[in-house]
Amino acid sequence: MLYILGAILAVLGAACFMTGSTSLRARDKHAIRHYADDAYAQQTMNYLNQNNHNPF
């Protein structure tokens, strides 16, 4: 029973992480294509660098 609950939580956690990751990439891709300067992409990179709490 605990294995099943752990697997479900792991899948949900990975889904939340991947959703956020892909949406940031999509936003940056759109900003780089549709704006003359890459201010939006630079803002995202600064945010990610300052808030990098990934233990891996």
PDB file of N, CA and C in Angstrom:
ATOM      1  N   MET A   1       0.827  -1.197   0.000  1.00  0.00           N
ATOM      2  CA  MET A   1       0.000   0.000   0.000  1.00  0.00           C
ATOM      3  C   MET A   1       0.868   1.256   0.000  1.00  0.00           C
ATOM      4  N   LEU A   2       1.915   1.268   0.826  1.00  0.00           N
ATOM      5  CA  LEU A   2       2.787   2.439   0.868  1.00  0.00           C
ATOM      6  C   LEU A   2       3.554   2.628  -0.434  1.00  0.00           C
ATOM      7  N   TYR A   3       3.895   1.517  -1.100  1.00  0.00           N
ATOM      8  CA  TYR A   3       4.577   1.625  -2.380  1.00  0.00           C
ATOM      9  C   TYR A   3       3.689   2.295  -3.412  1.00  0.00           C
ATOM     10  N   ILE A   4       2.427   1.947  -3.409  1.00  0.00           N
ATOM     11  CA  ILE A   4       1.479   2.535  -4.363  1.00  0.00           C
ATOM     12  C   ILE A   4       1.320   4.030  -4.087  1.00  0.00           C
ATOM     13  N   LEU A   5       1.155   4.391  -2.822  1.00  0.00           N
ATOM     14  CA  LEU A   5       1.034   5.808  -2.475  1.00  0.00           C
ATOM     15  C   LEU A   5       2.305   6.578  -2.831  1.00  0.00           C
ATOM     16  N   GLY A   6       3.450   5.995  -2.573  1.00  0.00           N
ATOM     17  CA  GLY A   6       4.715   6.635  -2.912  1.00  0.00           C
ATOM     18  C   GLY A   6       4.862   6.830  -4.415  1.00  0.00           C
ATOM     19  N   ALA A   7       4.465   5.830  -5.179  1.00  0.00           N
ATOM     20  CA  ALA A   7       4.546   5.931  -6.639  1.00  0.00           C
ATOM     21  C   ALA A   7       3.617   7.024  -7.156  1.00  0.00           C
ATOM     22  N   ILE A   8       2.421   7.097  -6.605  1.00  0.00           N
ATOM     23  CA  ILE A   8       1.466   8.125  -7.027  1.00  0.00           C
ATOM     24  C   ILE A   8       2.006   9.519  -6.697  1.00  0.00           C
ATOM     25  N   LEU A   9       2.549   9.689  -5.510  1.00  0.00           N
ATOM     26  CA  LEU A   9       3.107  10.986  -5.127  1.00  0.00           C
ATOM     27  C   LEU A   9       4.311  11.347  -5.997  1.00  0.00           C
ATOM     28  N   ALA A  10       5.123  10.379  -6.327  1.00  0.00           N
ATOM     29  CA  ALA A  10       6.285  10.640  -7.180  1.00  0.00           C
ATOM     30  C   ALA A  10       5.854  11.089  -8.578  1.00  0.00           C
ATOM     31  N   VAL A  11       4.841  10.430  -9.116  1.00  0.00           N
ATOM     32  CA  VAL A  11       4.351  10.802 -10.452  1.00  0.00           C
ATOM     33  C   VAL A  11       3.748  12.204 -10.424  1.00  0.00           C
ATOM     34  N   LEU A  12       2.961  12.510  -9.400  1.00  0.00           N
ATOM     35  CA  LEU A  12       2.361  13.841  -9.303  1.00  0.00           C
ATOM     36  C   LEU A  12       3.423  14.915  -9.116  1.00  0.00           C
ATOM     37  N   GLY A  13       4.430  14.646  -8.300  1.00  0.00           N
ATOM     38  CA  GLY A  13       5.509  15.602  -8.100  1.00  0.00           C
ATOM     39  C   GLY A  13       6.291  15.850  -9.381  1.00  0.00           C
ATOM     40  N   ALA A  14       6.590  14.784 -10.108  1.00  0.00           N
ATOM     41  CA  ALA A  14       7.310  14.943 -11.380  1.00  0.00           C
ATOM     42  C   ALA A  14       6.464  15.715 -12.388  1.00  0.00           C
ATOM     43  N   ALA A  15       5.170  15.465 -12.405  1.00  0.00           N
ATOM     44  CA  ALA A  15       4.284  16.174 -13.336  1.00  0.00           C
ATOM     45  C   ALA A  15       4.259  17.669 -13.026  1.00  0.00           C
ATOM     46  N   CYS A  16       4.192  18.023 -11.762  1.00  0.00           N
ATOM     47  CA  CYS A  16       4.197  19.445 -11.379  1.00  0.00           C
ATOM     48  C   CYS A  16       5.520  20.102 -11.768  1.00  0.00           C
ATOM     49  N   PHE A  17       6.629  19.406 -11.523  1.00  0.00           N
ATOM     50  CA  PHE A  17       7.939  19.960 -11.869  1.00  0.00           C
ATOM     51  C   PHE A  17       8.072  20.141 -13.379  1.00  0.00           C
ATOM     52  N   MET A  18       7.679  19.138 -14.142  1.00  0.00           N
ATOM     53  CA  MET A  18       7.813  19.213 -15.597  1.00  0.00           C
ATOM     54  C   MET A  18       6.895  20.263 -16.193  1.00  0.00           C
ATOM     55  N   THR A  19       5.707  20.431 -15.640  1.00  0.00           N
ATOM     56  CA  THR A  19       4.773  21.435 -16.157  1.00  0.00           C
ATOM     57  C   THR A  19       5.379  22.825 -16.004  1.00  0.00           C
ATOM     58  N   GLY A  20       5.921  23.111 -14.847  1.00  0.00           N
ATOM     59  CA  GLY A  20       6.548  24.411 -14.642  1.00  0.00           C
ATOM     60  C   GLY A  20       7.753  24.613 -15.533  1.00  0.00           C
ATOM     61  N   SER A  21       8.538  23.583 -15.690  1.00  0.00           N
ATOM     62  CA  SER A  21       9.736  23.668 -16.510  1.00  0.00           C
ATOM     63  C   SER A  21       9.390  23.917 -17.969  1.00  0.00           C
ATOM     64  N   THR A  22       8.415  23.197 -18.494  1.00  0.00           N
ATOM     65  CA  THR A  22       8.061  23.361 -19.903  1.00  0.00           C
ATOM     66  C   THR A  22       7.375  24.687 -20.153  1.00  0.00           C
ATOM     67  N   SER A  23       6.603  25.189 -19.186  1.00  0.00           N
ATOM     68  CA  SER A  23       5.944  26.468 -19.423  1.00  0.00           C
ATOM     69  C   SER A  23       6.963  27.605 -19.453  1.00  0.00           C
ATOM     70  N   LEU A  24       8.011  27.539 -18.625  1.00  0.00           N
ATOM     71  CA  LEU A  24       9.065  28.554 -18.677  1.00  0.00           C
ATOM     72  C   LEU A  24       9.802  28.495 -20.006  1.00  0.00           C
ATOM     73  N   ARG A  25      10.072  27.301 -20.482  1.00  0.00           N
ATOM     74  CA  ARG A  25      10.750  27.174 -21.775  1.00  0.00           C
ATOM     75  C   ARG A  25       9.893  27.728 -22.894  1.00  0.00           C
ATOM     76  N   ALA A  26       8.604  27.435 -22.861  1.00  0.00           N
ATOM     77  CA  ALA A  26       7.697  27.929 -23.897  1.00  0.00           C
ATOM     78  C   ALA A  26       7.630  29.451 -23.858  1.00  0.00           C
ATOM     79  N   ARG A  27       7.578  30.014 -22.667  1.00  0.00           N
ATOM     80  CA  ARG A  27       7.518  31.469 -22.549  1.00  0.00           C
ATOM     81  C   ARG A  27       8.794  32.108 -23.093  1.00  0.00           C
ATOM     82  N   ASP A  28       9.938  31.527 -22.767  1.00  0.00           N
ATOM     83  CA  ASP A  28      11.202  32.071 -23.264  1.00  0.00           C
ATOM     84  C   ASP A  28      11.309  31.951 -24.781  1.00  0.00           C
ATOM     85  N   LYS A  29      10.881  30.819 -25.311  1.00  0.00           N
ATOM     86  CA  LYS A  29      10.928  30.606 -26.748  1.00  0.00           C
ATOM     87  C   LYS A  29      10.062  31.645 -27.462  1.00  0.00           C
ATOM     88  N   HIS A  30       8.871  31.881 -26.936  1.00  0.00           N
ATOM     89  CA  HIS A  30       7.962  32.866 -27.507  1.00  0.00           C
ATOM     90  C   HIS A  30       8.561  34.262 -27.410  1.00  0.00           C
ATOM     91  N   ALA A  31       9.147  34.597 -26.277  1.00  0.00           N
ATOM     92  CA  ALA A  31       9.708  35.934 -26.087  1.00  0.00           C
ATOM     93  C   ALA A  31      10.877  36.187 -27.027  1.00  0.00           C
ATOM     94  N   ILE A  32      11.714  35.178 -27.217  1.00  0.00           N
ATOM     95  CA  ILE A  32      12.881  35.357 -28.079  1.00  0.00           C
ATOM     96  C   ILE A  32      12.449  35.517 -29.534  1.00  0.00           C
ATOM     97  N   ARG A  33      11.415  34.803 -29.946  1.00  0.00           N
ATOM     98  CA  ARG A  33      10.958  34.896 -31.333  1.00  0.00           C
ATOM     99  C   ARG A  33      10.199  36.181 -31.621  1.00  0.00           C
ATOM    100  N   HIS A  34       9.421  36.665 -30.667  1.00  0.00           N
ATOM    101  CA  HIS A  34       8.474  37.734 -30.963  1.00  0.00           C
ATOM    102  C   HIS A  34       8.870  39.109 -30.449  1.00  0.00           C
ATOM    103  N   TYR A  35      10.007  39.227 -29.820  1.00  0.00           N
ATOM    104  CA  TYR A  35      10.432  40.535 -29.326  1.00  0.00           C
ATOM    105  C   TYR A  35      11.843  40.812 -29.815  1.00  0.00           C
ATOM    106  N   ALA A  36      12.107  42.073 -30.105  1.00  0.00           N
ATOM    107  CA  ALA A  36      13.407  42.441 -30.667  1.00  0.00           C
ATOM    108  C   ALA A  36      14.532  42.177 -29.667  1.00  0.00           C
ATOM    109  N   ASP A  37      14.309  42.517 -28.405  1.00  0.00           N
ATOM    110  CA  ASP A  37      15.332  42.231 -27.400  1.00  0.00           C
ATOM    111  C   ASP A  37      14.892  41.023 -26.572  1.00  0.00           C
ATOM    112  N   ASP A  38      15.814  40.406 -25.903  1.00  0.00           N
ATOM    113  CA  ASP A  38      15.496  39.200 -25.140  1.00  0.00           C
ATOM    114  C   ASP A  38      15.329  39.522 -23.655  1.00  0.00           C
ATOM    115  N   ALA A  39      14.645  40.628 -23.362  1.00  0.00           N
ATOM    116  CA  ALA A  39      14.481  41.051 -21.971  1.00  0.00           C
ATOM    117  C   ALA A  39      13.683  40.026 -21.170  1.00  0.00           C
ATOM    118  N   TYR A  40      12.677  39.432 -21.783  1.00  0.00           N
ATOM    119  CA  TYR A  40      11.857  38.454 -21.061  1.00  0.00           C
ATOM    120  C   TYR A  40      12.667  37.195 -20.745  1.00  0.00           C
ATOM    121  N   ALA A  41      13.447  36.745 -21.708  1.00  0.00           N
ATOM    122  CA  ALA A  41      14.292  35.572 -21.470  1.00  0.00           C
ATOM    123  C   ALA A  41      15.361  35.884 -20.424  1.00  0.00           C
ATOM    124  N   GLN A  42      15.927  37.082 -20.486  1.00  0.00           N
ATOM    125  CA  GLN A  42      16.950  37.469 -19.507  1.00  0.00           C
ATOM    126  C   GLN A  42      16.351  37.548 -18.105  1.00  0.00           C
ATOM    127  N   GLN A  43      15.132  38.058 -18.014  1.00  0.00           N
ATOM    128  CA  GLN A  43      14.454  38.140 -16.719  1.00  0.00           C
ATOM    129  C   GLN A  43      14.243  36.735 -16.149  1.00  0.00           C
ATOM    130  N   THR A  44      13.837  35.806 -16.993  1.00  0.00           N
ATOM    131  CA  THR A  44      13.632  34.428 -16.546  1.00  0.00           C
ATOM    132  C   THR A  44      14.941  33.801 -16.095  1.00  0.00           C
ATOM    133  N   MET A  45      16.006  34.010 -16.860  1.00  0.00           N
ATOM    134  CA  MET A  45      17.295  33.422 -16.495  1.00  0.00           C
ATOM    135  C   MET A  45      17.794  33.999 -15.172  1.00  0.00           C
ATOM    136  N   ASN A  46      17.603  35.299 -14.960  1.00  0.00           N
ATOM    137  CA  ASN A  46      18.000  35.896 -13.690  1.00  0.00           C
ATOM    138  C   ASN A  46      17.200  35.308 -12.543  1.00  0.00           C
ATOM    139  N   TYR A  47      15.908  35.126 -12.751  1.00  0.00           N
ATOM    140  CA  TYR A  47      15.060  34.552 -11.709  1.00  0.00           C
ATOM    141  C   TYR A  47      15.498  33.131 -11.387  1.00  0.00           C
ATOM    142  N   LEU A  48      15.750  32.330 -12.414  1.00  0.00           N
ATOM    143  CA  LEU A  48      16.143  30.939 -12.200  1.00  0.00           C
ATOM    144  C   LEU A  48      17.507  30.858 -11.508  1.00  0.00           C
ATOM    145  N   ASN A  49      18.421  31.751 -11.849  1.00  0.00           N
ATOM    146  CA  ASN A  49      19.731  31.738 -11.216  1.00  0.00           C
ATOM    147  C   ASN A  49      19.648  32.129  -9.742  1.00  0.00           C
ATOM    148  N   GLN A  50      18.788  33.074  -9.419  1.00  0.00           N
ATOM    149  CA  GLN A  50      18.674  33.538  -8.041  1.00  0.00           C
ATOM    150  C   GLN A  50      17.873  32.579  -7.172  1.00  0.00           C
ATOM    151  N   ASN A  51      17.012  31.796  -7.789  1.00  0.00           N
ATOM    152  CA  ASN A  51      16.120  30.911  -7.039  1.00  0.00           C
ATOM    153  C   ASN A  51      16.392  29.440  -7.339  1.00  0.00           C
ATOM    154  N   ASN A  52      17.645  29.115  -7.514  1.00  0.00           N
ATOM    155  CA  ASN A  52      18.003  27.737  -7.829  1.00  0.00           C
ATOM    156  C   ASN A  52      18.146  26.949  -6.530  1.00  0.00           C
ATOM    157  N   HIS A  53      17.112  26.203  -6.180  1.00  0.00           N
ATOM    158  CA  HIS A  53      17.123  25.381  -4.969  1.00  0.00           C
ATOM    159  C   HIS A  53      17.122  23.896  -5.308  1.00  0.00           C
ATOM    160  N   ASN A  54      17.533  23.582  -6.523  1.00  0.00           N
ATOM    161  CA  ASN A  54      17.554  22.198  -6.979  1.00  0.00           C
ATOM    162  C   ASN A  54      18.751  21.475  -6.354  1.00  0.00           C
ATOM    163  N   PRO A  55      18.525  20.408  -5.606  1.00  0.00           N
ATOM    164  CA  PRO A  55      19.650  19.728  -4.945  1.00  0.00           C
ATOM    165  C   PRO A  55      20.486  18.870  -5.888  1.00  0.00           C
ATOM    166  N   PHE A  56      20.081  18.738  -7.149  1.00  0.00           N
ATOM    167  CA  PHE A  56      20.804  17.863  -8.065  1.00  0.00           C
ATOM    168  C   PHE A  56      21.756  18.642  -8.934  1.00  0.00           C
TER     169      PHE A  56
END
